[in-house]
Amino acid sequence: MKKHFSALLLVAAILTANLATGAIASGKKIDEPMQAAITWLSLADAVKAQDRWNQAAGAFKAGIELQDWETTLPKARQPLGAVKQRKHLATEATTALPGVPDGEYAIMGFQTEFANKKSATEILVLQKEADGAWRTVGYFIQ
């Protein structure tokens, strides 16, 4: 699973440049992944680790235990402070990512202003699972 996480980190780093320019590589419908992203980010903003866990994809859950998740995300988010503003930059749809099975993925970038960090880029990687729901498989703050 570390290989899976490393692959997602690599994808996030590569896509940051594309998202910063506002590139949208696909004309696929983004309403469903956008709604899933908004829900997940609102749970992250409210520091609701258990609820975020419940909204995450199976691959995400396989990569980190709930107990570790409950301590990891607050350590990353709390120093940033409350979200003051968040703007969607771009969404890139793809069916292939390095190191993970082929499927439907949406990589979404958001420019976010936190109380203690004026400018950060949040990247969510969402996967369409077998039940048709879009769920978060990766979350990165740069």
Foldseek 3Di string as FASTA:
>chain_A
DVLQVVLVVVVVVVCVVVLVVLDEPDPDDCPQVVVLVVVLVVCLLVLPLVVLLVQADPLQCVVDPSVCSSPPSCVVPVVQAHWPDKAWRYKYWDQDTPPDHGATKIWTWIWTQGPRRGTKIKIWIWGQDPVRHIGTNDIDID
